[in-house]
Amino acid sequence: MNKTSLFRLNPKSKKLCSCCDEVAIKKLEIQTSWFRGDDDVFLLCLTHVSAAEQMKFEDIYYDHAMTKARRAKTAQRTPLL
């Protein structure tokens, strides 16, 4: 039941990819159920957009989990000024 939508981001946006540290160019929405708010949303760079177009969603989920864990670990080590 996974329905997907791919949207272009504003070219002036400097948001990071959800799966790596590159600049995101598109937003991917994956509908996981019919309930409102149960969608998975990812900001993707060019490399991960091509993975999404090839329907390699397990790679996107894996890269997202690894990046999220790495960023959380980095945030714990960074002192607040």
PDB file of N, CA and C in Angstrom:
ATOM      1  N   MET A   1       0.817  -1.182   0.000  1.00  0.00           N
ATOM      2  CA  MET A   1       0.000   0.000   0.000  1.00  0.00           C
ATOM      3  C   MET A   1       0.867   1.254   0.000  1.00  0.00           C
ATOM      4  N   ASN A   2       2.138   1.120  -0.240  1.00  0.00           N
ATOM      5  CA  ASN A   2       3.045   2.267  -0.238  1.00  0.00           C
ATOM      6  C   ASN A   2       2.833   3.116  -1.479  1.00  0.00           C
ATOM      7  N   LYS A   3       2.224   4.278  -1.281  1.00  0.00           N
ATOM      8  CA  LYS A   3       2.069   5.255  -2.349  1.00  0.00           C
ATOM      9  C   LYS A   3       3.153   6.297  -2.144  1.00  0.00           C
ATOM     10  N   THR A   4       3.860   6.652  -3.195  1.00  0.00           N
ATOM     11  CA  THR A   4       4.962   7.600  -3.056  1.00  0.00           C
ATOM     12  C   THR A   4       4.713   8.853  -3.876  1.00  0.00           C
ATOM     13  N   SER A   5       5.249   9.958  -3.402  1.00  0.00           N
ATOM     14  CA  SER A   5       5.201  11.230  -4.113  1.00  0.00           C
ATOM     15  C   SER A   5       6.571  11.880  -3.995  1.00  0.00           C
ATOM     16  N   LEU A   6       7.039  12.464  -5.090  1.00  0.00           N
ATOM     17  CA  LEU A   6       8.348  13.116  -5.122  1.00  0.00           C
ATOM     18  C   LEU A   6       8.146  14.564  -5.549  1.00  0.00           C
ATOM     19  N   PHE A   7       8.550  15.513  -4.697  1.00  0.00           N
ATOM     20  CA  PHE A   7       8.359  16.933  -4.954  1.00  0.00           C
ATOM     21  C   PHE A   7       9.702  17.647  -5.026  1.00  0.00           C
ATOM     22  N   ARG A   8       9.800  18.648  -5.882  1.00  0.00           N
ATOM     23  CA  ARG A   8      11.017  19.448  -6.019  1.00  0.00           C
ATOM     24  C   ARG A   8      11.050  20.499  -4.915  1.00  0.00           C
ATOM     25  N   LEU A   9      12.217  20.692  -4.326  1.00  0.00           N
ATOM     26  CA  LEU A   9      12.402  21.723  -3.301  1.00  0.00           C
ATOM     27  C   LEU A   9      12.833  23.036  -3.943  1.00  0.00           C
ATOM     28  N   ASN A  10      12.726  24.109  -3.195  1.00  0.00           N
ATOM     29  CA  ASN A  10      13.187  25.413  -3.645  1.00  0.00           C
ATOM     30  C   ASN A  10      14.698  25.345  -3.876  1.00  0.00           C
ATOM     31  N   PRO A  11      15.185  25.774  -5.044  1.00  0.00           N
ATOM     32  CA  PRO A  11      16.626  25.698  -5.319  1.00  0.00           C
ATOM     33  C   PRO A  11      17.483  26.527  -4.357  1.00  0.00           C
ATOM     34  N   LYS A  12      16.901  27.522  -3.701  1.00  0.00           N
ATOM     35  CA  LYS A  12      17.651  28.344  -2.751  1.00  0.00           C
ATOM     36  C   LYS A  12      17.761  27.672  -1.385  1.00  0.00           C
ATOM     37  N   SER A  13      17.020  26.597  -1.187  1.00  0.00           N
ATOM     38  CA  SER A  13      17.032  25.885   0.092  1.00  0.00           C
ATOM     39  C   SER A  13      18.374  25.199   0.304  1.00  0.00           C
ATOM     40  N   LYS A  14      18.870  25.253   1.505  1.00  0.00           N
ATOM     41  CA  LYS A  14      20.154  24.624   1.845  1.00  0.00           C
ATOM     42  C   LYS A  14      19.958  23.505   2.864  1.00  0.00           C
ATOM     43  N   LYS A  15      18.789  22.860   2.830  1.00  0.00           N
ATOM     44  CA  LYS A  15      18.519  21.768   3.764  1.00  0.00           C
ATOM     45  C   LYS A  15      19.330  20.546   3.378  1.00  0.00           C
ATOM     46  N   LEU A  16      19.704  19.756   4.383  1.00  0.00           N
ATOM     47  CA  LEU A  16      20.506  18.558   4.139  1.00  0.00           C
ATOM     48  C   LEU A  16      19.623  17.366   3.811  1.00  0.00           C
ATOM     49  N   CYS A  17      20.188  16.452   3.057  1.00  0.00           N
ATOM     50  CA  CYS A  17      19.544  15.185   2.733  1.00  0.00           C
ATOM     51  C   CYS A  17      19.298  14.414   4.033  1.00  0.00           C
ATOM     52  N   SER A  18      18.185  13.711   4.122  1.00  0.00           N
ATOM     53  CA  SER A  18      17.870  12.910   5.309  1.00  0.00           C
ATOM     54  C   SER A  18      18.758  11.681   5.423  1.00  0.00           C
ATOM     55  N   CYS A  19      19.434  11.321   4.336  1.00  0.00           N
ATOM     56  CA  CYS A  19      20.208  10.075   4.298  1.00  0.00           C
ATOM     57  C   CYS A  19      21.717  10.292   4.236  1.00  0.00           C
ATOM     58  N   CYS A  20      22.169  11.528   4.047  1.00  0.00           N
ATOM     59  CA  CYS A  20      23.609  11.819   3.999  1.00  0.00           C
ATOM     60  C   CYS A  20      23.802  13.309   4.294  1.00  0.00           C
ATOM     61  N   ASP A  21      24.967  13.845   4.020  1.00  0.00           N
ATOM     62  CA  ASP A  21      25.258  15.247   4.324  1.00  0.00           C
ATOM     63  C   ASP A  21      25.314  16.135   3.086  1.00  0.00           C
ATOM     64  N   GLU A  22      24.691  15.708   2.003  1.00  0.00           N
ATOM     65  CA  GLU A  22      24.610  16.522   0.788  1.00  0.00           C
ATOM     66  C   GLU A  22      23.391  17.447   0.875  1.00  0.00           C
ATOM     67  N   VAL A  23      23.320  18.435  -0.014  1.00  0.00           N
ATOM     68  CA  VAL A  23      22.180  19.347  -0.066  1.00  0.00           C
ATOM     69  C   VAL A  23      21.004  18.627  -0.728  1.00  0.00           C
ATOM     70  N   ALA A  24      19.829  18.729  -0.114  1.00  0.00           N
ATOM     71  CA  ALA A  24      18.630  18.069  -0.636  1.00  0.00           C
ATOM     72  C   ALA A  24      18.061  18.845  -1.816  1.00  0.00           C
ATOM     73  N   ILE A  25      17.551  18.111  -2.808  1.00  0.00           N
ATOM     74  CA  ILE A  25      16.927  18.748  -3.969  1.00  0.00           C
ATOM     75  C   ILE A  25      15.456  18.367  -4.120  1.00  0.00           C
ATOM     76  N   LYS A  26      15.037  17.250  -3.490  1.00  0.00           N
ATOM     77  CA  LYS A  26      13.646  16.813  -3.595  1.00  0.00           C
ATOM     78  C   LYS A  26      13.154  16.274  -2.263  1.00  0.00           C
ATOM     79  N   LYS A  27      11.818  16.260  -2.123  1.00  0.00           N
ATOM     80  CA  LYS A  27      11.175  15.714  -0.931  1.00  0.00           C
ATOM     81  C   LYS A  27      10.385  14.479  -1.342  1.00  0.00           C
ATOM     82  N   LEU A  28      10.611  13.375  -0.647  1.00  0.00           N
ATOM     83  CA  LEU A  28       9.924  12.116  -0.910  1.00  0.00           C
ATOM     84  C   LEU A  28       8.939  11.855   0.217  1.00  0.00           C
ATOM     85  N   GLU A  29       7.674  11.588  -0.140  1.00  0.00           N
ATOM     86  CA  GLU A  29       6.661  11.216   0.838  1.00  0.00           C
ATOM     87  C   GLU A  29       6.210   9.796   0.532  1.00  0.00           C
ATOM     88  N   ILE A  30       6.252   8.928   1.545  1.00  0.00           N
ATOM     89  CA  ILE A  30       5.815   7.547   1.399  1.00  0.00           C
ATOM     90  C   ILE A  30       4.620   7.350   2.319  1.00  0.00           C
ATOM     91  N   GLN A  31       3.457   7.059   1.724  1.00  0.00           N
ATOM     92  CA  GLN A  31       2.242   6.837   2.502  1.00  0.00           C
ATOM     93  C   GLN A  31       2.256   5.400   3.009  1.00  0.00           C
ATOM     94  N   THR A  32       2.316   5.223   4.321  1.00  0.00           N
ATOM     95  CA  THR A  32       2.410   3.880   4.894  1.00  0.00           C
ATOM     96  C   THR A  32       1.057   3.328   5.318  1.00  0.00           C
ATOM     97  N   SER A  33       0.073   4.201   5.558  1.00  0.00           N
ATOM     98  CA  SER A  33      -1.285   3.760   5.877  1.00  0.00           C
ATOM     99  C   SER A  33      -2.249   4.873   5.470  1.00  0.00           C
ATOM    100  N   TRP A  34      -3.524   4.600   5.620  1.00  0.00           N
ATOM    101  CA  TRP A  34      -4.527   5.586   5.230  1.00  0.00           C
ATOM    102  C   TRP A  34      -4.698   6.684   6.273  1.00  0.00           C
ATOM    103  N   PHE A  35      -4.169   6.484   7.459  1.00  0.00           N
ATOM    104  CA  PHE A  35      -4.353   7.460   8.522  1.00  0.00           C
ATOM    105  C   PHE A  35      -3.504   8.703   8.272  1.00  0.00           C
ATOM    106  N   ARG A  36      -4.079   9.829   8.602  1.00  0.00           N
ATOM    107  CA  ARG A  36      -3.386  11.095   8.417  1.00  0.00           C
ATOM    108  C   ARG A  36      -2.189  11.168   9.361  1.00  0.00           C
ATOM    109  N   GLY A  37      -1.051  11.579   8.846  1.00  0.00           N
ATOM    110  CA  GLY A  37       0.142  11.723   9.659  1.00  0.00           C
ATOM    111  C   GLY A  37       1.018  10.492   9.707  1.00  0.00           C
ATOM    112  N   ASP A  38       0.601   9.419   9.053  1.00  0.00           N
ATOM    113  CA  ASP A  38       1.402   8.190   9.046  1.00  0.00           C
ATOM    114  C   ASP A  38       2.342   8.119   7.847  1.00  0.00           C
ATOM    115  N   ASP A  39       2.656   9.248   7.260  1.00  0.00           N
ATOM    116  CA  ASP A  39       3.549   9.270   6.104  1.00  0.00           C
ATOM    117  C   ASP A  39       4.997   9.395   6.572  1.00  0.00           C
ATOM    118  N   ASP A  40       5.892   8.790   5.813  1.00  0.00           N
ATOM    119  CA  ASP A  40       7.323   8.970   6.039  1.00  0.00           C
ATOM    120  C   ASP A  40       7.806  10.015   5.039  1.00  0.00           C
ATOM    121  N   VAL A  41       8.491  11.043   5.523  1.00  0.00           N
ATOM    122  CA  VAL A  41       8.948  12.140   4.668  1.00  0.00           C
ATOM    123  C   VAL A  41      10.467  12.214   4.742  1.00  0.00           C
ATOM    124  N   PHE A  42      11.105  12.254   3.567  1.00  0.00           N
ATOM    125  CA  PHE A  42      12.555  12.330   3.473  1.00  0.00           C
ATOM    126  C   PHE A  42      12.932  13.467   2.532  1.00  0.00           C
ATOM    127  N   LEU A  43      13.971  14.230   2.885  1.00  0.00           N
ATOM    128  CA  LEU A  43      14.585  15.180   1.966  1.00  0.00           C
ATOM    129  C   LEU A  43      15.758  14.448   1.331  1.00  0.00           C
ATOM    130  N   LEU A  44      15.840  14.467  -0.007  1.00  0.00           N
ATOM    131  CA  LEU A  44      16.820  13.638  -0.700  1.00  0.00           C
ATOM    132  C   LEU A  44      17.739  14.446  -1.605  1.00  0.00           C
ATOM    133  N   CYS A  45      18.999  14.008  -1.661  1.00  0.00           N
ATOM    134  CA  CYS A  45      19.981  14.560  -2.595  1.00  0.00           C
ATOM    135  C   CYS A  45      19.839  13.820  -3.928  1.00  0.00           C
ATOM    136  N   LEU A  46      20.659  14.187  -4.886  1.00  0.00           N
ATOM    137  CA  LEU A  46      20.587  13.592  -6.218  1.00  0.00           C
ATOM    138  C   LEU A  46      20.823  12.084  -6.186  1.00  0.00           C
ATOM    139  N   THR A  47      21.772  11.629  -5.387  1.00  0.00           N
ATOM    140  CA  THR A  47      22.076  10.200  -5.294  1.00  0.00           C
ATOM    141  C   THR A  47      20.889   9.416  -4.750  1.00  0.00           C
ATOM    142  N   HIS A  48      20.270   9.924  -3.698  1.00  0.00           N
ATOM    143  CA  HIS A  48      19.157   9.204  -3.092  1.00  0.00           C
ATOM    144  C   HIS A  48      17.861   9.371  -3.891  1.00  0.00           C
ATOM    145  N   VAL A  49      17.735  10.432  -4.680  1.00  0.00           N
ATOM    146  CA  VAL A  49      16.585  10.553  -5.582  1.00  0.00           C
ATOM    147  C   VAL A  49      16.632   9.438  -6.618  1.00  0.00           C
ATOM    148  N   SER A  50      17.818   9.151  -7.137  1.00  0.00           N
ATOM    149  CA  SER A  50      17.927   8.068  -8.119  1.00  0.00           C
ATOM    150  C   SER A  50      17.594   6.723  -7.477  1.00  0.00           C
ATOM    151  N   ALA A  51      17.942   6.528  -6.205  1.00  0.00           N
ATOM    152  CA  ALA A  51      17.566   5.293  -5.501  1.00  0.00           C
ATOM    153  C   ALA A  51      16.050   5.215  -5.339  1.00  0.00           C
ATOM    154  N   ALA A  52      15.413   6.348  -5.050  1.00  0.00           N
ATOM    155  CA  ALA A  52      13.955   6.366  -4.914  1.00  0.00           C
ATOM    156  C   ALA A  52      13.275   6.077  -6.248  1.00  0.00           C
ATOM    157  N   GLU A  53      13.819   6.625  -7.328  1.00  0.00           N
ATOM    158  CA  GLU A  53      13.242   6.369  -8.647  1.00  0.00           C
ATOM    159  C   GLU A  53      13.390   4.910  -9.054  1.00  0.00           C
ATOM    160  N   GLN A  54      14.404   4.230  -8.508  1.00  0.00           N
ATOM    161  CA  GLN A  54      14.598   2.803  -8.776  1.00  0.00           C
ATOM    162  C   GLN A  54      13.861   1.944  -7.754  1.00  0.00           C
ATOM    163  N   MET A  55      13.042   2.577  -6.896  1.00  0.00           N
ATOM    164  CA  MET A  55      12.225   1.893  -5.884  1.00  0.00           C
ATOM    165  C   MET A  55      13.068   1.143  -4.859  1.00  0.00           C
ATOM    166  N   LYS A  56      14.233   1.662  -4.517  1.00  0.00           N
ATOM    167  CA  LYS A  56      15.105   1.051  -3.509  1.00  0.00           C
ATOM    168  C   LYS A  56      14.856   1.730  -2.158  1.00  0.00           C
ATOM    169  N   PHE A  57      13.637   1.584  -1.658  1.00  0.00           N
ATOM    170  CA  PHE A  57      13.249   2.265  -0.432  1.00  0.00           C
ATOM    171  C   PHE A  57      13.951   1.701   0.792  1.00  0.00           C
ATOM    172  N   GLU A  58      14.306   0.417   0.778  1.00  0.00           N
ATOM    173  CA  GLU A  58      15.010  -0.154   1.932  1.00  0.00           C
ATOM    174  C   GLU A  58      16.385   0.492   2.097  1.00  0.00           C
ATOM    175  N   ASP A  59      17.023   0.869   0.990  1.00  0.00           N
ATOM    176  CA  ASP A  59      18.306   1.576   1.071  1.00  0.00           C
ATOM    177  C   ASP A  59      18.124   2.965   1.689  1.00  0.00           C
ATOM    178  N   ILE A  60      17.041   3.634   1.325  1.00  0.00           N
ATOM    179  CA  ILE A  60      16.764   4.968   1.855  1.00  0.00           C
ATOM    180  C   ILE A  60      16.485   4.892   3.355  1.00  0.00           C
ATOM    181  N   TYR A  61      15.667   3.931   3.773  1.00  0.00           N
ATOM    182  CA  TYR A  61      15.376   3.770   5.203  1.00  0.00           C
ATOM    183  C   TYR A  61      16.647   3.446   5.989  1.00  0.00           C
ATOM    184  N   TYR A  62      17.496   2.579   5.448  1.00  0.00           N
ATOM    185  CA  TYR A  62      18.743   2.207   6.134  1.00  0.00           C
ATOM    186  C   TYR A  62      19.679   3.412   6.255  1.00  0.00           C
ATOM    187  N   ASP A  63      19.893   4.129   5.140  1.00  0.00           N
ATOM    188  CA  ASP A  63      20.772   5.304   5.169  1.00  0.00           C
ATOM    189  C   ASP A  63      20.231   6.373   6.121  1.00  0.00           C
ATOM    190  N   HIS A  64      18.911   6.530   6.147  1.00  0.00           N
ATOM    191  CA  HIS A  64      18.290   7.509   7.047  1.00  0.00           C
ATOM    192  C   HIS A  64      18.543   7.138   8.509  1.00  0.00           C
ATOM    193  N   ALA A  65      18.393   5.865   8.845  1.00  0.00           N
ATOM    194  CA  ALA A  65      18.617   5.419  10.228  1.00  0.00           C
ATOM    195  C   ALA A  65      20.072   5.632  10.642  1.00  0.00           C
ATOM    196  N   MET A  66      21.002   5.325   9.756  1.00  0.00           N
ATOM    197  CA  MET A  66      22.422   5.503  10.071  1.00  0.00           C
ATOM    198  C   MET A  66      22.772   6.984  10.235  1.00  0.00           C
ATOM    199  N   THR A  67      22.259   7.828   9.359  1.00  0.00           N
ATOM    200  CA  THR A  67      22.534   9.265   9.427  1.00  0.00           C
ATOM    201  C   THR A  67      21.908   9.874  10.675  1.00  0.00           C
ATOM    202  N   LYS A  68      20.684   9.453  10.998  1.00  0.00           N
ATOM    203  CA  LYS A  68      20.007   9.959  12.193  1.00  0.00           C
ATOM    204  C   LYS A  68      20.792   9.603  13.454  1.00  0.00           C
ATOM    205  N   ALA A  69      21.297   8.373  13.534  1.00  0.00           N
ATOM    206  CA  ALA A  69      22.084   7.945  14.690  1.00  0.00           C
ATOM    207  C   ALA A  69      23.399   8.713  14.775  1.00  0.00           C
ATOM    208  N   ARG A  70      24.059   8.923  13.638  1.00  0.00           N
ATOM    209  CA  ARG A  70      25.329   9.652  13.620  1.00  0.00           C
ATOM    210  C   ARG A  70      25.129  11.105  14.030  1.00  0.00           C
ATOM    211  N   ARG A  71      24.056  11.735  13.542  1.00  0.00           N
ATOM    212  CA  ARG A  71      23.792  13.132  13.899  1.00  0.00           C
ATOM    213  C   ARG A  71      23.431  13.268  15.375  1.00  0.00           C
ATOM    214  N   ALA A  72      22.703  12.305  15.922  1.00  0.00           N
ATOM    215  CA  ALA A  72      22.359  12.342  17.346  1.00  0.00           C
ATOM    216  C   ALA A  72      23.609  12.200  18.204  1.00  0.00           C
ATOM    217  N   LYS A  73      24.517  11.328  17.789  1.00  0.00           N
ATOM    218  CA  LYS A  73      25.759  11.134  18.534  1.00  0.00           C
ATOM    219  C   LYS A  73      26.613  12.399  18.482  1.00  0.00           C
ATOM    220  N   THR A  74      26.664  13.053  17.329  1.00  0.00           N
ATOM    221  CA  THR A  74      27.420  14.296  17.181  1.00  0.00           C
ATOM    222  C   THR A  74      26.808  15.403  18.032  1.00  0.00           C
ATOM    223  N   ALA A  75      25.479  15.456  18.096  1.00  0.00           N
ATOM    224  CA  ALA A  75      24.804  16.488  18.884  1.00  0.00           C
ATOM    225  C   ALA A  75      25.073  16.316  20.370  1.00  0.00           C
ATOM    226  N   GLN A  76      25.236  15.083  20.830  1.00  0.00           N
ATOM    227  CA  GLN A  76      25.526  14.844  22.242  1.00  0.00           C
ATOM    228  C   GLN A  76      26.921  15.331  22.611  1.00  0.00           C
ATOM    229  N   ARG A  77      27.854  15.237  21.681  1.00  0.00           N
ATOM    230  CA  ARG A  77      29.237  15.640  21.957  1.00  0.00           C
ATOM    231  C   ARG A  77      29.451  17.133  21.815  1.00  0.00           C
ATOM    232  N   THR A  78      28.567  17.833  21.119  1.00  0.00           N
ATOM    233  CA  THR A  78      28.738  19.257  20.870  1.00  0.00           C
ATOM    234  C   THR A  78      28.276  20.061  22.086  1.00  0.00           C
ATOM    235  N   PRO A  79      29.167  20.825  22.725  1.00  0.00           N
ATOM    236  CA  PRO A  79      28.756  21.625  23.888  1.00  0.00           C
ATOM    237  C   PRO A  79      27.954  22.848  23.444  1.00  0.00           C
ATOM    238  N   LEU A  80      27.007  23.232  24.276  1.00  0.00           N
ATOM    239  CA  LEU A  80      26.223  24.435  24.003  1.00  0.00           C
ATOM    240  C   LEU A  80      27.012  25.655  24.460  1.00  0.00           C
ATOM    241  N   LEU A  81      27.015  26.680  23.645  1.00  0.00           N
ATOM    242  CA  LEU A  81      27.771  27.897  23.989  1.00  0.00           C
ATOM    243  C   LEU A  81      26.882  28.929  24.613  1.00  0.00           C
TER     244      LEU A  81
END
